[in-house]
Amino acid sequence: MNYKKIKDICEIKKGKKVFELEEALDNSIRYIQIDDLRNNNNIKFCSPDSRYVYVKKDDLIIAWDGANAGTIGFGLEGAIGSTLAKISVLDKDIFAPFLALYLQSKFDYFQRTATGATIPHISRAALENLDIPVFGIEKQKYIYNQMLKTKELIDKRQSQITALDELAKSLFLEMFGDPAKNPSKYPLCKLKNICTKITDGTHHSPPMVEKGIPYVSAKHLGKGYLDFFSNPAYISKEEHEKIYKRCDPINGDVLYIKDGATTGIAGINYYDFEFSMLSSLALIRPDSEQLINYYLVHYLNNDRIKENIISNMSGGAIKRLTIKKITDLSIVVPPIKLQQEFAEKVKKINQQKELLKSNLEEMHNLYGSLLQKAFKGELFQE
């Protein structure tokens, strides 16, 4: 198989500082930032300026700086910021979407070869000297279109998972109403009066070890769930035993982020094994005769409730909820039978989600395997 280097088929140009407009004007153009390489959730605009670096829809965009360095975007049009770079395909025998697909598969390579001690930066040399497999233009188009169909199936499965999340939210509102308004006039109780334990993790960071006892922090918690194994960390048994005396999470406990940018997210611990926690997480153990964990998690994750709680955060640069504020939170408490009914319905939704997530993981693995085989010329033979 033949290969060509990026430097022989492309021109690379770094973006420049762009001045964002507060709102779009008649002559404004899109201002493209790193987040835009993943989705269109927060489109921004700028005024035309000859000093800016512009991309066309057939240009590739690479995140040049930061934790996401190496992320590839394609099909966008506008001015790129200083943390991005434009990759323009100059070789007429290279199909730009195929090249984008190939570079997207090289994210780990870009991360591994990045420079910079604290903030990663793409290594221009590593990018320019990257070998690109050369196929005929029609085969490139065929590979791209086949992989696009596979990616659409993955996106569809992800949408189904998102739809189940929305179903659980709708079910909560249907059964209990807007908790911020409490239309059924359910009683309000302070959290400390309807829980058997409320505490937080260790306030000092113990040294990490390669193998040991799992150590959980805010990075492991998402809305409704705890995911340790996607980014595991461990501490020694000695350190764990000291922490666990005060903070002993068990299956069914609610974990709640109380520090930092993701403050206010709640999830349930489904793990049966012991682990230690950092102080960025609070442990909340409901009294099951008064408060069901599934209800509490959806209550705390409700947008209106979360907004109200966060508005009372203390701290300077790093905002935080103190344990006292958490224990004094007033919670709307519906009848326990209604909470239990809600929990059973959510469990069924979660079971469906887990099946879909397992299938999604298999699809991602298959997609990666197909990509590698395609780039080696082992698939889609002419």
Protein backbone atom coordinates (compact mmCIF):
# COMPACT_ATOMS: atom_id res chain seq x y z
CA MET A 1 0.00 0.00 0.00
CA ASN A 2 1.17 3.53 -0.79
CA TYR A 3 1.19 6.41 1.67
CA LYS A 4 1.46 10.18 1.48
CA LYS A 5 2.46 12.52 4.28
CA ILE A 6 0.14 15.30 5.42
CA LYS A 7 2.79 17.92 4.61
CA ASP A 8 2.79 16.76 0.98
CA ILE A 9 -0.97 16.94 0.45
CA CYS A 10 -2.21 19.66 2.81
CA GLU A 11 -1.65 23.21 3.98
CA ILE A 12 -1.94 23.85 7.72
CA LYS A 13 -2.78 27.32 9.04
CA LYS A 14 -3.33 28.25 12.70
CA GLY A 15 -6.36 30.30 13.66
CA LYS A 16 -6.20 33.74 15.24
CA LYS A 17 -7.97 35.59 18.02
CA VAL A 18 -11.54 36.36 17.00
CA PHE A 19 -13.77 38.99 18.60
CA GLU A 20 -17.20 37.56 19.32
CA LEU A 21 -20.39 39.54 18.69
CA GLU A 22 -23.06 39.64 21.38
CA GLU A 23 -25.67 38.88 18.72
CA ALA A 24 -25.72 38.05 15.02
CA LEU A 25 -25.82 40.95 12.53
CA ASP A 26 -26.79 41.00 8.84
CA ASN A 27 -23.17 40.62 7.68
CA SER A 28 -21.89 38.48 10.57
CA ILE A 29 -20.20 35.12 10.04
CA ARG A 30 -19.85 32.06 12.21
CA TYR A 31 -17.11 32.11 14.84
CA ILE A 32 -15.90 28.50 15.21
CA GLN A 33 -14.50 27.23 18.51
CA ILE A 34 -13.48 23.81 19.84
CA ASP A 35 -16.98 22.92 21.07
CA ASP A 36 -18.29 23.43 17.52
CA LEU A 37 -16.24 20.44 16.36
CA ARG A 38 -18.58 18.22 18.40
CA ASN A 39 -21.99 19.86 18.08
CA ASN A 40 -23.90 23.01 17.12
CA ASN A 41 -25.36 23.68 20.57
CA ASN A 42 -23.79 27.12 21.04
CA ILE A 43 -23.25 28.87 17.71
CA LYS A 44 -21.37 32.18 17.95
CA PHE A 45 -20.75 34.97 15.45
CA CYS A 46 -18.19 37.61 14.55
CA SER A 47 -17.87 40.46 12.05
CA PRO A 48 -15.82 39.87 8.89
CA ASP A 49 -12.16 40.82 9.30
CA SER A 50 -9.32 40.30 6.81
CA ARG A 51 -7.02 39.29 9.69
CA TYR A 52 -9.08 36.23 10.55
CA VAL A 53 -8.43 32.70 9.28
CA TYR A 54 -11.46 31.37 7.43
CA VAL A 55 -12.49 27.79 6.67
CA LYS A 56 -14.71 26.48 3.89
CA LYS A 57 -16.90 23.40 4.15
CA ASP A 58 -14.29 21.23 2.44
CA ASP A 59 -11.54 22.29 4.87
CA LEU A 60 -10.69 20.20 7.92
CA ILE A 61 -10.37 21.78 11.37
CA ILE A 62 -8.15 20.43 14.14
CA ALA A 63 -8.20 21.46 17.81
CA TRP A 64 -4.62 22.62 18.29
CA ASP A 65 -4.47 23.50 21.98
CA GLY A 66 -5.96 22.20 25.22
CA ALA A 67 -7.26 18.93 26.63
CA ASN A 68 -9.13 18.15 23.40
CA ALA A 69 -6.16 18.74 21.10
CA GLY A 70 -6.49 16.43 18.11
CA THR A 71 -10.28 16.64 17.79
CA ILE A 72 -11.20 16.91 14.11
CA GLY A 73 -14.08 18.85 12.57
CA PHE A 74 -15.35 18.94 9.00
CA GLY A 75 -18.10 20.62 7.00
CA LEU A 76 -18.04 23.94 8.89
CA GLU A 77 -17.71 27.42 7.44
CA GLY A 78 -16.56 30.58 9.21
CA ALA A 79 -13.63 32.11 11.13
CA ILE A 80 -11.61 29.87 13.45
CA GLY A 81 -10.26 30.89 16.84
CA SER A 82 -6.65 30.75 17.99
CA THR A 83 -6.96 27.27 19.54
CA LEU A 84 -7.87 25.73 16.17
CA ALA A 85 -6.06 25.20 12.87
CA LYS A 86 -7.25 24.82 9.28
CA ILE A 87 -6.13 21.85 7.19
CA SER A 88 -6.72 22.49 3.48
CA VAL A 89 -6.40 19.55 1.08
CA LEU A 90 -4.23 20.52 -1.92
CA ASP A 91 -3.97 17.10 -3.59
CA LYS A 92 -6.84 16.46 -6.02
CA ASP A 93 -6.43 12.71 -5.48
CA ILE A 94 -7.41 13.03 -1.81
CA PHE A 95 -11.11 13.08 -0.85
CA ALA A 96 -11.32 15.57 2.05
CA PRO A 97 -14.09 13.73 4.02
CA PHE A 98 -12.00 10.53 3.83
CA LEU A 99 -8.99 12.39 5.22
CA ALA A 100 -11.16 13.80 8.02
CA LEU A 101 -12.30 10.27 8.85
CA TYR A 102 -8.71 9.07 8.96
CA LEU A 103 -7.52 11.92 11.17
CA GLN A 104 -10.46 11.39 13.54
CA SER A 105 -9.13 7.86 14.09
CA LYS A 106 -5.75 9.33 15.12
CA PHE A 107 -6.88 11.23 18.23
CA ASP A 108 -4.76 9.06 20.55
CA TYR A 109 -1.73 9.64 18.31
CA PHE A 110 -2.21 13.42 18.48
CA GLN A 111 -2.58 13.27 22.26
CA ARG A 112 0.48 11.05 22.63
CA THR A 113 2.70 13.29 20.48
CA ALA A 114 1.39 16.61 21.87
CA THR A 115 3.83 19.10 23.36
CA GLY A 116 3.44 21.28 26.47
CA ALA A 117 3.72 20.40 30.14
CA THR A 118 0.39 21.78 31.42
CA ILE A 119 -1.58 22.66 28.26
CA PRO A 120 -1.21 20.16 25.39
CA HIS A 121 -0.44 21.54 21.93
CA ILE A 122 -0.48 19.64 18.65
CA SER A 123 3.02 18.81 17.44
CA ARG A 124 3.20 20.30 13.94
CA ALA A 125 5.96 17.84 13.05
CA ALA A 126 3.88 14.86 14.21
CA LEU A 127 0.91 16.09 12.15
CA GLU A 128 2.90 16.97 9.03
CA ASN A 129 4.76 13.64 9.01
CA LEU A 130 1.67 11.49 9.56
CA ASP A 131 1.33 8.90 6.80
CA ILE A 132 -2.04 8.76 5.02
CA PRO A 133 -3.04 5.54 3.18
CA VAL A 134 -3.60 6.23 -0.51
CA PHE A 135 -6.52 4.63 -2.35
CA GLY A 136 -8.22 5.60 -5.57
CA ILE A 137 -10.59 8.55 -5.16
CA GLU A 138 -13.68 6.38 -5.76
CA LYS A 139 -12.61 3.88 -3.11
CA GLN A 140 -12.02 6.74 -0.65
CA LYS A 141 -15.57 7.94 -1.30
CA TYR A 142 -16.93 4.42 -0.91
CA ILE A 143 -15.12 3.85 2.40
CA TYR A 144 -16.30 7.22 3.71
CA ASN A 145 -19.94 6.59 2.73
CA GLN A 146 -19.99 3.09 4.24
CA MET A 147 -18.48 4.31 7.51
CA LEU A 148 -20.93 7.23 7.53
CA LYS A 149 -23.83 4.77 7.42
CA THR A 150 -22.33 2.90 10.38
CA LYS A 151 -21.88 6.18 12.28
CA GLU A 152 -25.54 7.07 11.64
CA LEU A 153 -26.58 3.79 13.30
CA ILE A 154 -24.43 4.70 16.32
CA ASP A 155 -25.98 8.17 16.48
CA LYS A 156 -29.45 6.64 16.29
CA ARG A 157 -28.68 4.33 19.22
CA GLN A 158 -27.34 7.27 21.24
CA SER A 159 -30.54 9.20 20.49
CA GLN A 160 -32.58 6.28 21.83
CA ILE A 161 -30.60 6.41 25.09
CA THR A 162 -31.13 10.17 25.33
CA ALA A 163 -34.86 9.67 24.70
CA LEU A 164 -35.04 7.29 27.69
CA ASP A 165 -33.39 9.95 29.87
CA GLU A 166 -36.05 12.41 28.76
CA LEU A 167 -38.74 9.82 29.45
CA ALA A 168 -37.58 9.53 33.08
CA LYS A 169 -37.65 13.34 33.43
CA SER A 170 -41.15 13.51 31.98
CA LEU A 171 -42.31 10.70 34.26
CA PHE A 172 -41.04 12.64 37.30
CA LEU A 173 -42.98 15.77 36.30
CA GLU A 174 -46.08 13.73 35.44
CA MET A 175 -46.15 12.00 38.83
CA PHE A 176 -45.01 14.86 41.10
CA GLY A 177 -45.42 18.10 39.16
CA ASP A 178 -42.81 20.86 39.04
CA PRO A 179 -40.93 20.41 42.34
CA ALA A 180 -40.08 24.12 42.46
CA LYS A 181 -43.82 24.92 42.56
CA ASN A 182 -44.97 21.81 44.46
CA PRO A 183 -48.53 21.91 43.04
CA SER A 184 -49.72 19.00 45.21
CA LYS A 185 -48.59 20.81 48.37
CA TYR A 186 -46.51 17.88 49.61
CA PRO A 187 -44.71 18.54 52.90
CA LEU A 188 -41.24 20.10 52.93
CA CYS A 189 -38.62 18.38 55.07
CA LYS A 190 -35.00 19.23 55.73
CA LEU A 191 -32.72 16.61 54.23
CA LYS A 192 -31.07 15.91 57.60
CA ASN A 193 -34.45 14.83 59.00
CA ILE A 194 -35.17 12.26 56.29
CA CYS A 195 -31.69 10.74 55.91
CA THR A 196 -29.68 8.45 58.14
CA LYS A 197 -26.31 9.83 57.03
CA ILE A 198 -24.96 12.91 55.22
CA THR A 199 -21.22 13.44 54.96
CA ASP A 200 -18.50 14.01 52.38
CA GLY A 201 -15.24 12.43 51.28
CA THR A 202 -11.71 13.15 52.38
CA HIS A 203 -10.51 16.78 52.48
CA HIS A 204 -6.94 15.81 51.63
CA SER A 205 -5.83 14.12 48.41
CA PRO A 206 -4.19 10.78 49.20
CA PRO A 207 -1.38 9.54 46.92
CA MET A 208 -2.55 7.46 43.96
CA VAL A 209 -1.31 3.90 43.47
CA GLU A 210 -1.40 1.61 40.43
CA LYS A 211 -3.46 -1.06 42.20
CA GLY A 212 -5.47 -0.70 45.36
CA ILE A 213 -8.87 0.49 46.57
CA PRO A 214 -11.07 2.46 44.13
CA TYR A 215 -11.04 6.22 44.71
CA VAL A 216 -14.07 8.15 43.45
CA SER A 217 -14.36 11.87 42.73
CA ALA A 218 -16.72 14.22 40.89
CA LYS A 219 -15.30 13.15 37.50
CA HIS A 220 -16.92 9.74 37.96
CA LEU A 221 -20.45 11.03 38.56
CA GLY A 222 -23.05 11.81 35.89
CA LYS A 223 -26.75 12.62 36.17
CA GLY A 224 -28.25 9.58 37.84
CA TYR A 225 -25.26 7.26 37.64
CA LEU A 226 -21.74 6.54 38.88
CA ASP A 227 -19.12 5.36 36.38
CA PHE A 228 -15.82 4.49 38.01
CA PHE A 229 -14.27 2.21 35.39
CA SER A 230 -14.18 4.72 32.52
CA ASN A 231 -11.45 6.61 34.39
CA PRO A 232 -10.31 4.50 37.38
CA ALA A 233 -8.11 5.76 40.20
CA TYR A 234 -6.81 3.90 43.23
CA ILE A 235 -5.39 4.54 46.69
CA SER A 236 -3.70 2.26 49.21
CA LYS A 237 -5.70 0.10 51.62
CA GLU A 238 -4.23 2.06 54.56
CA GLU A 239 -5.44 5.40 53.17
CA HIS A 240 -8.84 3.90 52.31
CA GLU A 241 -9.40 2.56 55.81
CA LYS A 242 -8.79 6.01 57.33
CA ILE A 243 -11.26 7.66 54.93
CA TYR A 244 -13.85 4.89 55.08
CA LYS A 245 -14.28 5.19 58.85
CA ARG A 246 -16.09 8.49 58.33
CA CYS A 247 -17.44 8.14 54.79
CA ASP A 248 -18.55 4.60 53.93
CA PRO A 249 -20.57 4.57 50.66
CA ILE A 250 -22.76 1.52 50.11
CA ASN A 251 -24.99 0.34 47.28
CA GLY A 252 -28.05 2.59 47.04
CA ASP A 253 -26.47 5.72 48.52
CA VAL A 254 -26.93 8.99 46.67
CA LEU A 255 -23.70 10.76 45.71
CA TYR A 256 -23.89 14.50 45.12
CA ILE A 257 -21.31 16.83 43.60
CA LYS A 258 -20.74 19.74 45.98
CA ASP A 259 -17.63 21.45 44.55
CA GLY A 260 -16.62 22.86 41.17
CA ALA A 261 -18.11 23.32 37.72
CA THR A 262 -20.40 20.27 37.88
CA THR A 263 -21.84 21.03 41.33
CA GLY A 264 -25.44 19.94 41.79
CA ILE A 265 -25.31 16.63 39.89
CA ALA A 266 -26.66 13.63 41.79
CA GLY A 267 -26.34 9.91 41.07
CA ILE A 268 -26.91 6.56 42.73
CA ASN A 269 -24.09 4.24 43.76
CA TYR A 270 -24.87 0.83 42.24
CA TYR A 271 -21.52 -0.72 43.19
CA ASP A 272 -21.23 -3.41 45.87
CA PHE A 273 -17.49 -2.96 46.46
CA GLU A 274 -15.89 -0.53 48.91
CA PHE A 275 -14.39 2.72 47.68
CA SER A 276 -13.19 6.02 49.09
CA MET A 277 -14.41 9.47 48.05
CA LEU A 278 -12.91 12.92 47.64
CA SER A 279 -14.61 15.85 49.41
CA SER A 280 -16.00 17.11 46.09
CA LEU A 281 -18.69 14.47 46.65
CA ALA A 282 -21.28 14.31 49.38
CA LEU A 283 -22.74 11.00 50.52
CA ILE A 284 -26.48 11.09 51.19
CA ARG A 285 -28.14 7.99 52.66
CA PRO A 286 -31.95 8.40 52.62
CA ASP A 287 -34.18 6.92 55.30
CA SER A 288 -35.98 4.44 53.05
CA GLU A 289 -39.18 4.73 55.10
CA GLN A 290 -39.46 8.41 54.18
CA LEU A 291 -37.32 9.05 51.09
CA ILE A 292 -36.48 6.84 48.07
CA ASN A 293 -33.08 7.32 46.42
CA TYR A 294 -34.48 7.33 42.86
CA TYR A 295 -36.88 10.14 43.77
CA LEU A 296 -34.16 12.15 45.52
CA VAL A 297 -31.76 11.89 42.57
CA HIS A 298 -34.35 13.10 40.06
CA TYR A 299 -35.44 15.83 42.46
CA LEU A 300 -31.88 17.15 42.86
CA ASN A 301 -31.18 16.88 39.11
CA ASN A 302 -34.30 18.84 38.21
CA ASP A 303 -33.13 22.02 36.44
CA ARG A 304 -35.19 24.42 38.56
CA ILE A 305 -34.19 22.79 41.84
CA LYS A 306 -30.54 22.63 40.83
CA GLU A 307 -30.57 26.31 39.87
CA ASN A 308 -32.09 27.29 43.21
CA ILE A 309 -29.54 25.25 45.16
CA ILE A 310 -26.52 26.52 43.22
CA SER A 311 -27.58 30.13 43.75
CA ASN A 312 -26.82 29.58 47.45
CA MET A 313 -23.28 28.32 46.89
CA SER A 314 -20.39 29.88 48.80
CA GLY A 315 -16.72 30.29 47.92
CA GLY A 316 -14.57 32.52 45.76
CA ALA A 317 -13.04 31.19 42.56
CA ILE A 318 -14.19 27.63 43.35
CA LYS A 319 -17.85 27.50 44.28
CA ARG A 320 -18.97 24.87 46.77
CA LEU A 321 -21.91 23.62 48.77
CA THR A 322 -21.06 22.99 52.40
CA ILE A 323 -22.34 19.91 54.19
CA LYS A 324 -24.38 22.19 56.46
CA LYS A 325 -26.17 23.71 53.47
CA ILE A 326 -26.85 20.24 52.08
CA THR A 327 -28.25 18.95 55.38
CA ASP A 328 -30.48 22.02 55.63
CA LEU A 329 -31.91 21.66 52.10
CA SER A 330 -35.70 21.65 52.14
CA ILE A 331 -36.99 18.73 50.05
CA VAL A 332 -40.52 18.19 48.75
CA VAL A 333 -41.52 14.77 50.11
CA PRO A 334 -44.43 12.99 48.36
CA PRO A 335 -46.08 9.89 49.89
CA ILE A 336 -43.60 7.02 50.12
CA LYS A 337 -45.81 4.70 48.04
CA LEU A 338 -45.79 7.21 45.18
CA GLN A 339 -42.01 7.49 45.42
CA GLN A 340 -41.72 3.69 45.34
CA GLU A 341 -43.97 3.51 42.28
CA PHE A 342 -41.76 6.07 40.55
CA ALA A 343 -38.63 4.11 41.48
CA GLU A 344 -39.98 0.89 39.97
CA LYS A 345 -40.78 2.63 36.71
CA VAL A 346 -37.35 4.26 36.56
CA LYS A 347 -35.68 0.90 37.20
CA LYS A 348 -37.43 -0.51 34.12
CA ILE A 349 -36.29 2.50 32.07
CA ASN A 350 -32.74 2.01 33.36
CA GLN A 351 -32.80 -1.65 32.38
CA GLN A 352 -33.65 -0.65 28.81
CA LYS A 353 -30.91 1.98 28.90
CA GLU A 354 -28.29 -0.51 30.04
CA LEU A 355 -29.16 -2.85 27.17
CA LEU A 356 -28.88 0.02 24.69
CA LYS A 357 -25.62 1.27 26.25
CA SER A 358 -24.12 -2.21 26.05
CA ASN A 359 -25.14 -2.41 22.41
CA LEU A 360 -23.75 1.09 21.80
CA GLU A 361 -20.38 0.06 23.23
CA GLU A 362 -20.32 -2.95 20.90
CA MET A 363 -21.17 -0.68 17.96
CA HIS A 364 -18.35 1.72 18.87
CA ASN A 365 -15.88 -1.18 19.06
CA LEU A 366 -17.07 -2.53 15.72
CA TYR A 367 -16.83 0.92 14.15
CA GLY A 368 -13.23 1.30 15.35
CA SER A 369 -12.33 -2.15 14.09
CA LEU A 370 -13.91 -1.51 10.68
CA LEU A 371 -12.05 1.80 10.40
CA GLN A 372 -8.68 0.22 11.04
CA LYS A 373 -9.33 -2.58 8.57
CA ALA A 374 -10.58 -0.13 5.96
CA PHE A 375 -7.47 2.04 6.29
CA LYS A 376 -5.29 -1.07 5.88
CA GLY A 377 -7.11 -1.95 2.67
CA GLU A 378 -8.64 -5.09 4.19
CA LEU A 379 -12.26 -4.05 3.66
CA PHE A 380 -14.30 -2.89 0.69
CA GLN A 381 -12.02 -4.56 -1.84
CA GLU A 382 -12.15 -3.18 -5.36
